Amino acid sequence: MSPLDLVRSRDGSMSLTKLSAATAHALAAILFVRLQWSSPFNETLWMLYMGVAIGHAITDKTAAQVKDFKDKKLDVTAEAMKAPE
């Protein structure tokens, strides 16, 4: 896996959505590390970071599964509505 896979679409082109997500995640991680470096260990800060990261991953995976389910349902409906040949 290449680091460029983080910003490439399936067809190999640059995905601005993936680029902005990777940038936001990197900046959030840098911010949290910087905040932590300049002060004593803050458990609340890291619990918040982990909660947001896990919540985002769950939401993203759930949305992908719902979209896949709806697409399959539309395909089945479209096949059923085709006129018999």
PDB file of N, CA and C in Angstrom:
ATOM      1  N   MET A   1       0.836  -1.177   0.000  1.00  0.00           N
ATOM      2  CA  MET A   1       0.000   0.000   0.000  1.00  0.00           C
ATOM      3  C   MET A   1       0.880   1.239   0.000  1.00  0.00           C
ATOM      4  N   SER A   2       0.592   2.106  -0.900  1.00  0.00           N
ATOM      5  CA  SER A   2       1.323   3.364  -1.034  1.00  0.00           C
ATOM      6  C   SER A   2       0.625   4.462  -0.222  1.00  0.00           C
ATOM      7  N   PRO A   3       1.361   5.411   0.329  1.00  0.00           N
ATOM      8  CA  PRO A   3       0.705   6.531   1.027  1.00  0.00           C
ATOM      9  C   PRO A   3      -0.226   7.319   0.109  1.00  0.00           C
ATOM     10  N   LEU A   4       0.042   7.279  -1.188  1.00  0.00           N
ATOM     11  CA  LEU A   4      -0.834   7.983  -2.121  1.00  0.00           C
ATOM     12  C   LEU A   4      -2.207   7.329  -2.236  1.00  0.00           C
ATOM     13  N   ASP A   5      -2.338   6.075  -1.798  1.00  0.00           N
ATOM     14  CA  ASP A   5      -3.638   5.408  -1.819  1.00  0.00           C
ATOM     15  C   ASP A   5      -4.636   6.095  -0.898  1.00  0.00           C
ATOM     16  N   LEU A   6      -4.138   6.893   0.051  1.00  0.00           N
ATOM     17  CA  LEU A   6      -5.025   7.619   0.951  1.00  0.00           C
ATOM     18  C   LEU A   6      -5.795   8.718   0.234  1.00  0.00           C
ATOM     19  N   VAL A   7      -5.299   9.167  -0.927  1.00  0.00           N
ATOM     20  CA  VAL A   7      -5.942  10.264  -1.646  1.00  0.00           C
ATOM     21  C   VAL A   7      -6.338   9.887  -3.076  1.00  0.00           C
ATOM     22  N   ARG A   8      -6.202   8.620  -3.449  1.00  0.00           N
ATOM     23  CA  ARG A   8      -6.581   8.182  -4.789  1.00  0.00           C
ATOM     24  C   ARG A   8      -7.947   7.527  -4.783  1.00  0.00           C
ATOM     25  N   SER A   9      -8.685   7.744  -5.863  1.00  0.00           N
ATOM     26  CA  SER A   9      -9.953   7.055  -6.067  1.00  0.00           C
ATOM     27  C   SER A   9      -9.678   5.650  -6.567  1.00  0.00           C
ATOM     28  N   ARG A  10     -10.720   4.878  -6.737  1.00  0.00           N
ATOM     29  CA  ARG A  10     -10.547   3.510  -7.239  1.00  0.00           C
ATOM     30  C   ARG A  10      -9.995   3.484  -8.655  1.00  0.00           C
ATOM     31  N   ASP A  11     -10.307   4.546  -9.426  1.00  0.00           N
ATOM     32  CA  ASP A  11      -9.809   4.586 -10.801  1.00  0.00           C
ATOM     33  C   ASP A  11      -8.399   5.167 -10.910  1.00  0.00           C
ATOM     34  N   GLY A  12      -7.797   5.539  -9.775  1.00  0.00           N
ATOM     35  CA  GLY A  12      -6.429   6.034  -9.765  1.00  0.00           C
ATOM     36  C   GLY A  12      -6.304   7.541  -9.797  1.00  0.00           C
ATOM     37  N   SER A  13      -7.412   8.251  -9.990  1.00  0.00           N
ATOM     38  CA  SER A  13      -7.350   9.713 -10.016  1.00  0.00           C
ATOM     39  C   SER A  13      -7.329  10.276  -8.595  1.00  0.00           C
ATOM     40  N   MET A  14      -6.998  11.555  -8.476  1.00  0.00           N
ATOM     41  CA  MET A  14      -6.941  12.222  -7.181  1.00  0.00           C
ATOM     42  C   MET A  14      -8.367  12.475  -6.676  1.00  0.00           C
ATOM     43  N   SER A  15      -8.635  12.085  -5.445  1.00  0.00           N
ATOM     44  CA  SER A  15      -9.947  12.303  -4.845  1.00  0.00           C
ATOM     45  C   SER A  15      -9.831  13.449  -3.846  1.00  0.00           C
ATOM     46  N   LEU A  16     -10.492  14.558  -4.139  1.00  0.00           N
ATOM     47  CA  LEU A  16     -10.429  15.708  -3.246  1.00  0.00           C
ATOM     48  C   LEU A  16     -11.123  15.423  -1.923  1.00  0.00           C
ATOM     49  N   THR A  17     -12.126  14.573  -1.933  1.00  0.00           N
ATOM     50  CA  THR A  17     -12.798  14.199  -0.689  1.00  0.00           C
ATOM     51  C   THR A  17     -11.842  13.445   0.221  1.00  0.00           C
ATOM     52  N   LYS A  18     -11.121  12.472  -0.354  1.00  0.00           N
ATOM     53  CA  LYS A  18     -10.150  11.716   0.444  1.00  0.00           C
ATOM     54  C   LYS A  18      -9.000  12.607   0.890  1.00  0.00           C
ATOM     55  N   LEU A  19      -8.571  13.532   0.034  1.00  0.00           N
ATOM     56  CA  LEU A  19      -7.494  14.446   0.386  1.00  0.00           C
ATOM     57  C   LEU A  19      -7.896  15.337   1.557  1.00  0.00           C
ATOM     58  N   SER A  20      -9.112  15.878   1.517  1.00  0.00           N
ATOM     59  CA  SER A  20      -9.556  16.743   2.610  1.00  0.00           C
ATOM     60  C   SER A  20      -9.745  15.950   3.899  1.00  0.00           C
ATOM     61  N   ALA A  21     -10.230  14.726   3.806  1.00  0.00           N
ATOM     62  CA  ALA A  21     -10.385  13.898   5.010  1.00  0.00           C
ATOM     63  C   ALA A  21      -9.028  13.544   5.613  1.00  0.00           C
ATOM     64  N   ALA A  22      -8.079  13.167   4.779  1.00  0.00           N
ATOM     65  CA  ALA A  22      -6.744  12.830   5.278  1.00  0.00           C
ATOM     66  C   ALA A  22      -6.076  14.050   5.904  1.00  0.00           C
ATOM     67  N   THR A  23      -6.257  15.206   5.285  1.00  0.00           N
ATOM     68  CA  THR A  23      -5.696  16.441   5.827  1.00  0.00           C
ATOM     69  C   THR A  23      -6.322  16.780   7.172  1.00  0.00           C
ATOM     70  N   ALA A  24      -7.636  16.674   7.270  1.00  0.00           N
ATOM     71  CA  ALA A  24      -8.323  16.979   8.531  1.00  0.00           C
ATOM     72  C   ALA A  24      -7.889  16.031   9.643  1.00  0.00           C
ATOM     73  N   HIS A  25      -7.761  14.753   9.333  1.00  0.00           N
ATOM     74  CA  HIS A  25      -7.324  13.780  10.335  1.00  0.00           C
ATOM     75  C   HIS A  25      -5.889  14.054  10.786  1.00  0.00           C
ATOM     76  N   ALA A  26      -5.033  14.375   9.844  1.00  0.00           N
ATOM     77  CA  ALA A  26      -3.638  14.671  10.194  1.00  0.00           C
ATOM     78  C   ALA A  26      -3.544  15.934  11.051  1.00  0.00           C
ATOM     79  N   LEU A  27      -4.289  16.968  10.686  1.00  0.00           N
ATOM     80  CA  LEU A  27      -4.265  18.205  11.468  1.00  0.00           C
ATOM     81  C   LEU A  27      -4.840  18.003  12.872  1.00  0.00           C
ATOM     82  N   ALA A  28      -5.895  17.198  12.982  1.00  0.00           N
ATOM     83  CA  ALA A  28      -6.462  16.915  14.306  1.00  0.00           C
ATOM     84  C   ALA A  28      -5.457  16.163  15.171  1.00  0.00           C
ATOM     85  N   ALA A  29      -4.782  15.190  14.587  1.00  0.00           N
ATOM     86  CA  ALA A  29      -3.780  14.433  15.346  1.00  0.00           C
ATOM     87  C   ALA A  29      -2.631  15.340  15.777  1.00  0.00           C
ATOM     88  N   ILE A  30      -2.169  16.199  14.881  1.00  0.00           N
ATOM     89  CA  ILE A  30      -1.091  17.128  15.222  1.00  0.00           C
ATOM     90  C   ILE A  30      -1.535  18.083  16.326  1.00  0.00           C
ATOM     91  N   LEU A  31      -2.750  18.594  16.233  1.00  0.00           N
ATOM     92  CA  LEU A  31      -3.278  19.498  17.258  1.00  0.00           C
ATOM     93  C   LEU A  31      -3.332  18.817  18.618  1.00  0.00           C
ATOM     94  N   PHE A  32      -3.855  17.606  18.660  1.00  0.00           N
ATOM     95  CA  PHE A  32      -3.968  16.902  19.933  1.00  0.00           C
ATOM     96  C   PHE A  32      -2.592  16.594  20.524  1.00  0.00           C
ATOM     97  N   VAL A  33      -1.640  16.191  19.688  1.00  0.00           N
ATOM     98  CA  VAL A  33      -0.291  15.916  20.183  1.00  0.00           C
ATOM     99  C   VAL A  33       0.355  17.205  20.673  1.00  0.00           C
ATOM    100  N   ARG A  34       0.179  18.287  19.940  1.00  0.00           N
ATOM    101  CA  ARG A  34       0.762  19.575  20.355  1.00  0.00           C
ATOM    102  C   ARG A  34       0.168  20.049  21.674  1.00  0.00           C
ATOM    103  N   LEU A  35      -1.146  19.932  21.820  1.00  0.00           N
ATOM    104  CA  LEU A  35      -1.776  20.315  23.076  1.00  0.00           C
ATOM    105  C   LEU A  35      -1.263  19.461  24.235  1.00  0.00           C
ATOM    106  N   GLN A  36      -1.078  18.180  23.968  1.00  0.00           N
ATOM    107  CA  GLN A  36      -0.618  17.273  25.005  1.00  0.00           C
ATOM    108  C   GLN A  36       0.847  17.522  25.364  1.00  0.00           C
ATOM    109  N   TRP A  37       1.660  17.874  24.379  1.00  0.00           N
ATOM    110  CA  TRP A  37       3.082  18.055  24.591  1.00  0.00           C
ATOM    111  C   TRP A  37       3.357  19.244  25.520  1.00  0.00           C
ATOM    112  N   SER A  38       2.522  20.278  25.439  1.00  0.00           N
ATOM    113  CA  SER A  38       2.783  21.500  26.198  1.00  0.00           C
ATOM    114  C   SER A  38       2.139  21.490  27.589  1.00  0.00           C
ATOM    115  N   SER A  39       1.519  20.406  27.977  1.00  0.00           N
ATOM    116  CA  SER A  39       0.871  20.349  29.294  1.00  0.00           C
ATOM    117  C   SER A  39       0.978  18.929  29.838  1.00  0.00           C
ATOM    118  N   PRO A  40       0.653  18.742  31.122  1.00  0.00           N
ATOM    119  CA  PRO A  40       0.665  17.375  31.665  1.00  0.00           C
ATOM    120  C   PRO A  40      -0.387  16.497  30.969  1.00  0.00           C
ATOM    121  N   PHE A  41      -0.231  15.191  31.117  1.00  0.00           N
ATOM    122  CA  PHE A  41      -1.137  14.251  30.444  1.00  0.00           C
ATOM    123  C   PHE A  41      -2.590  14.572  30.769  1.00  0.00           C
ATOM    124  N   ASN A  42      -3.396  14.674  29.734  1.00  0.00           N
ATOM    125  CA  ASN A  42      -4.805  15.016  29.885  1.00  0.00           C
ATOM    126  C   ASN A  42      -5.645  13.849  29.362  1.00  0.00           C
ATOM    127  N   GLU A  43      -6.123  13.033  30.266  1.00  0.00           N
ATOM    128  CA  GLU A  43      -6.892  11.850  29.876  1.00  0.00           C
ATOM    129  C   GLU A  43      -8.176  12.220  29.153  1.00  0.00           C
ATOM    130  N   THR A  44      -8.825  13.291  29.581  1.00  0.00           N
ATOM    131  CA  THR A  44     -10.072  13.721  28.944  1.00  0.00           C
ATOM    132  C   THR A  44      -9.854  14.063  27.478  1.00  0.00           C
ATOM    133  N   LEU A  45      -8.759  14.724  27.177  1.00  0.00           N
ATOM    134  CA  LEU A  45      -8.436  15.089  25.800  1.00  0.00           C
ATOM    135  C   LEU A  45      -8.322  13.850  24.921  1.00  0.00           C
ATOM    136  N   TRP A  46      -7.610  12.831  25.402  1.00  0.00           N
ATOM    137  CA  TRP A  46      -7.419  11.623  24.620  1.00  0.00           C
ATOM    138  C   TRP A  46      -8.686  10.784  24.537  1.00  0.00           C
ATOM    139  N   MET A  47      -9.504  10.797  25.556  1.00  0.00           N
ATOM    140  CA  MET A  47     -10.791  10.092  25.492  1.00  0.00           C
ATOM    141  C   MET A  47     -11.701  10.763  24.457  1.00  0.00           C
ATOM    142  N   LEU A  48     -11.672  12.086  24.419  1.00  0.00           N
ATOM    143  CA  LEU A  48     -12.444  12.814  23.411  1.00  0.00           C
ATOM    144  C   LEU A  48     -11.946  12.469  22.009  1.00  0.00           C
ATOM    145  N   TYR A  49     -10.632  12.471  21.825  1.00  0.00           N
ATOM    146  CA  TYR A  49     -10.046  12.156  20.522  1.00  0.00           C
ATOM    147  C   TYR A  49     -10.428  10.738  20.082  1.00  0.00           C
ATOM    148  N   MET A  50     -10.293   9.777  20.990  1.00  0.00           N
ATOM    149  CA  MET A  50     -10.643   8.390  20.655  1.00  0.00           C
ATOM    150  C   MET A  50     -12.136   8.262  20.369  1.00  0.00           C
ATOM    151  N   GLY A  51     -12.961   8.948  21.146  1.00  0.00           N
ATOM    152  CA  GLY A  51     -14.407   8.885  20.931  1.00  0.00           C
ATOM    153  C   GLY A  51     -14.807   9.436  19.577  1.00  0.00           C
ATOM    154  N   VAL A  52     -14.219  10.560  19.200  1.00  0.00           N
ATOM    155  CA  VAL A  52     -14.524  11.146  17.892  1.00  0.00           C
ATOM    156  C   VAL A  52     -14.021  10.246  16.771  1.00  0.00           C
ATOM    157  N   ALA A  53     -12.819   9.703  16.923  1.00  0.00           N
ATOM    158  CA  ALA A  53     -12.263   8.823  15.883  1.00  0.00           C
ATOM    159  C   ALA A  53     -13.098   7.558  15.717  1.00  0.00           C
ATOM    160  N   ILE A  54     -13.475   6.940  16.820  1.00  0.00           N
ATOM    161  CA  ILE A  54     -14.282   5.715  16.755  1.00  0.00           C
ATOM    162  C   ILE A  54     -15.683   6.025  16.239  1.00  0.00           C
ATOM    163  N   GLY A  55     -16.271   7.119  16.721  1.00  0.00           N
ATOM    164  CA  GLY A  55     -17.605   7.517  16.248  1.00  0.00           C
ATOM    165  C   GLY A  55     -17.615   7.806  14.763  1.00  0.00           C
ATOM    166  N   HIS A  56     -16.567   8.462  14.272  1.00  0.00           N
ATOM    167  CA  HIS A  56     -16.479   8.743  12.845  1.00  0.00           C
ATOM    168  C   HIS A  56     -16.357   7.456  12.039  1.00  0.00           C
ATOM    169  N   ALA A  57     -15.542   6.523  12.501  1.00  0.00           N
ATOM    170  CA  ALA A  57     -15.367   5.258  11.786  1.00  0.00           C
ATOM    171  C   ALA A  57     -16.677   4.467  11.747  1.00  0.00           C
ATOM    172  N   ILE A  58     -17.387   4.426  12.869  1.00  0.00           N
ATOM    173  CA  ILE A  58     -18.660   3.696  12.924  1.00  0.00           C
ATOM    174  C   ILE A  58     -19.679   4.337  11.982  1.00  0.00           C
ATOM    175  N   THR A  59     -19.765   5.663  12.021  1.00  0.00           N
ATOM    176  CA  THR A  59     -20.710   6.370  11.153  1.00  0.00           C
ATOM    177  C   THR A  59     -20.379   6.141   9.688  1.00  0.00           C
ATOM    178  N   ASP A  60     -19.109   6.208   9.346  1.00  0.00           N
ATOM    179  CA  ASP A  60     -18.678   6.025   7.964  1.00  0.00           C
ATOM    180  C   ASP A  60     -19.000   4.618   7.467  1.00  0.00           C
ATOM    181  N   LYS A  61     -18.692   3.601   8.269  1.00  0.00           N
ATOM    182  CA  LYS A  61     -18.958   2.216   7.866  1.00  0.00           C
ATOM    183  C   LYS A  61     -20.458   1.945   7.776  1.00  0.00           C
ATOM    184  N   THR A  62     -21.227   2.491   8.715  1.00  0.00           N
ATOM    185  CA  THR A  62     -22.679   2.293   8.693  1.00  0.00           C
ATOM    186  C   THR A  62     -23.284   2.943   7.453  1.00  0.00           C
ATOM    187  N   ALA A  63     -22.848   4.151   7.135  1.00  0.00           N
ATOM    188  CA  ALA A  63     -23.364   4.831   5.943  1.00  0.00           C
ATOM    189  C   ALA A  63     -23.032   4.046   4.681  1.00  0.00           C
ATOM    190  N   ALA A  64     -21.844   3.481   4.606  1.00  0.00           N
ATOM    191  CA  ALA A  64     -21.459   2.685   3.437  1.00  0.00           C
ATOM    192  C   ALA A  64     -22.314   1.427   3.325  1.00  0.00           C
ATOM    193  N   GLN A  65     -22.616   0.775   4.446  1.00  0.00           N
ATOM    194  CA  GLN A  65     -23.447  -0.421   4.421  1.00  0.00           C
ATOM    195  C   GLN A  65     -24.881  -0.090   4.024  1.00  0.00           C
ATOM    196  N   VAL A  66     -25.411   1.007   4.526  1.00  0.00           N
ATOM    197  CA  VAL A  66     -26.777   1.416   4.170  1.00  0.00           C
ATOM    198  C   VAL A  66     -26.851   1.737   2.685  1.00  0.00           C
ATOM    199  N   LYS A  67     -25.852   2.460   2.159  1.00  0.00           N
ATOM    200  CA  LYS A  67     -25.831   2.782   0.734  1.00  0.00           C
ATOM    201  C   LYS A  67     -25.757   1.505  -0.105  1.00  0.00           C
ATOM    202  N   ASP A  68     -24.914   0.566   0.294  1.00  0.00           N
ATOM    203  CA  ASP A  68     -24.789  -0.692  -0.434  1.00  0.00           C
ATOM    204  C   ASP A  68     -26.114  -1.457  -0.429  1.00  0.00           C
ATOM    205  N   PHE A  69     -26.786  -1.495   0.726  1.00  0.00           N
ATOM    206  CA  PHE A  69     -28.073  -2.181   0.834  1.00  0.00           C
ATOM    207  C   PHE A  69     -29.108  -1.533  -0.086  1.00  0.00           C
ATOM    208  N   LYS A  70     -29.160  -0.195  -0.087  1.00  0.00           N
ATOM    209  CA  LYS A  70     -30.132   0.506  -0.936  1.00  0.00           C
ATOM    210  C   LYS A  70     -29.824   0.284  -2.415  1.00  0.00           C
ATOM    211  N   ASP A  71     -28.546   0.295  -2.777  1.00  0.00           N
ATOM    212  CA  ASP A  71     -28.175   0.056  -4.176  1.00  0.00           C
ATOM    213  C   ASP A  71     -28.575  -1.349  -4.618  1.00  0.00           C
ATOM    214  N   LYS A  72     -28.354  -2.352  -3.766  1.00  0.00           N
ATOM    215  CA  LYS A  72     -28.755  -3.721  -4.105  1.00  0.00           C
ATOM    216  C   LYS A  72     -30.264  -3.821  -4.243  1.00  0.00           C
ATOM    217  N   LYS A  73     -31.000  -3.146  -3.362  1.00  0.00           N
ATOM    218  CA  LYS A  73     -32.465  -3.171  -3.420  1.00  0.00           C
ATOM    219  C   LYS A  73     -32.948  -2.514  -4.712  1.00  0.00           C
ATOM    220  N   LEU A  74     -32.322  -1.412  -5.117  1.00  0.00           N
ATOM    221  CA  LEU A  74     -32.695  -0.759  -6.369  1.00  0.00           C
ATOM    222  C   LEU A  74     -32.394  -1.652  -7.565  1.00  0.00           C
ATOM    223  N   ASP A  75     -31.267  -2.361  -7.527  1.00  0.00           N
ATOM    224  CA  ASP A  75     -30.930  -3.269  -8.626  1.00  0.00           C
ATOM    225  C   ASP A  75     -31.953  -4.393  -8.747  1.00  0.00           C
ATOM    226  N   VAL A  76     -32.362  -4.959  -7.621  1.00  0.00           N
ATOM    227  CA  VAL A  76     -33.354  -6.036  -7.634  1.00  0.00           C
ATOM    228  C   VAL A  76     -34.690  -5.510  -8.144  1.00  0.00           C
ATOM    229  N   THR A  77     -35.076  -4.324  -7.717  1.00  0.00           N
ATOM    230  CA  THR A  77     -36.339  -3.724  -8.167  1.00  0.00           C
ATOM    231  C   THR A  77     -36.303  -3.436  -9.662  1.00  0.00           C
ATOM    232  N   ALA A  78     -35.178  -2.930 -10.146  1.00  0.00           N
ATOM    233  CA  ALA A  78     -35.036  -2.621 -11.564  1.00  0.00           C
ATOM    234  C   ALA A  78     -35.104  -3.899 -12.406  1.00  0.00           C
ATOM    235  N   GLU A  79     -34.485  -4.964 -11.930  1.00  0.00           N
ATOM    236  CA  GLU A  79     -34.538  -6.247 -12.652  1.00  0.00           C
ATOM    237  C   GLU A  79     -35.968  -6.784 -12.692  1.00  0.00           C
ATOM    238  N   ALA A  80     -36.691  -6.631 -11.593  1.00  0.00           N
ATOM    239  CA  ALA A  80     -38.064  -7.132 -11.535  1.00  0.00           C
ATOM    240  C   ALA A  80     -39.004  -6.345 -12.431  1.00  0.00           C
ATOM    241  N   MET A  81     -38.701  -5.072 -12.659  1.00  0.00           N
ATOM    242  CA  MET A  81     -39.586  -4.213 -13.459  1.00  0.00           C
ATOM    243  C   MET A  81     -39.295  -4.301 -14.948  1.00  0.00           C
ATOM    244  N   LYS A  82     -38.192  -4.934 -15.331  1.00  0.00           N
ATOM    245  CA  LYS A  82     -37.888  -5.078 -16.759  1.00  0.00           C
ATOM    246  C   LYS A  82     -38.938  -5.956 -17.411  1.00  0.00           C
ATOM    247  N   ALA A  83     -39.287  -5.574 -18.606  1.00  0.00           N
ATOM    248  CA  ALA A  83     -40.277  -6.352 -19.363  1.00  0.00           C
ATOM    249  C   ALA A  83     -39.671  -7.672 -19.788  1.00  0.00           C
ATOM    250  N   PRO A  84     -40.430  -8.761 -19.668  1.00  0.00           N
ATOM    251  CA  PRO A  84     -39.898 -10.051 -20.119  1.00  0.00           C
ATOM    252  C   PRO A  84     -39.681 -10.048 -21.626  1.00  0.00           C
ATOM    253  N   GLU A  85     -38.605 -10.674 -22.026  1.00  0.00           N
ATOM    254  CA  GLU A  85     -38.270 -10.685 -23.459  1.00  0.00           C
ATOM    255  C   GLU A  85     -38.681 -11.965 -24.100  1.00  0.00           C
TER     256      GLU A  85
END
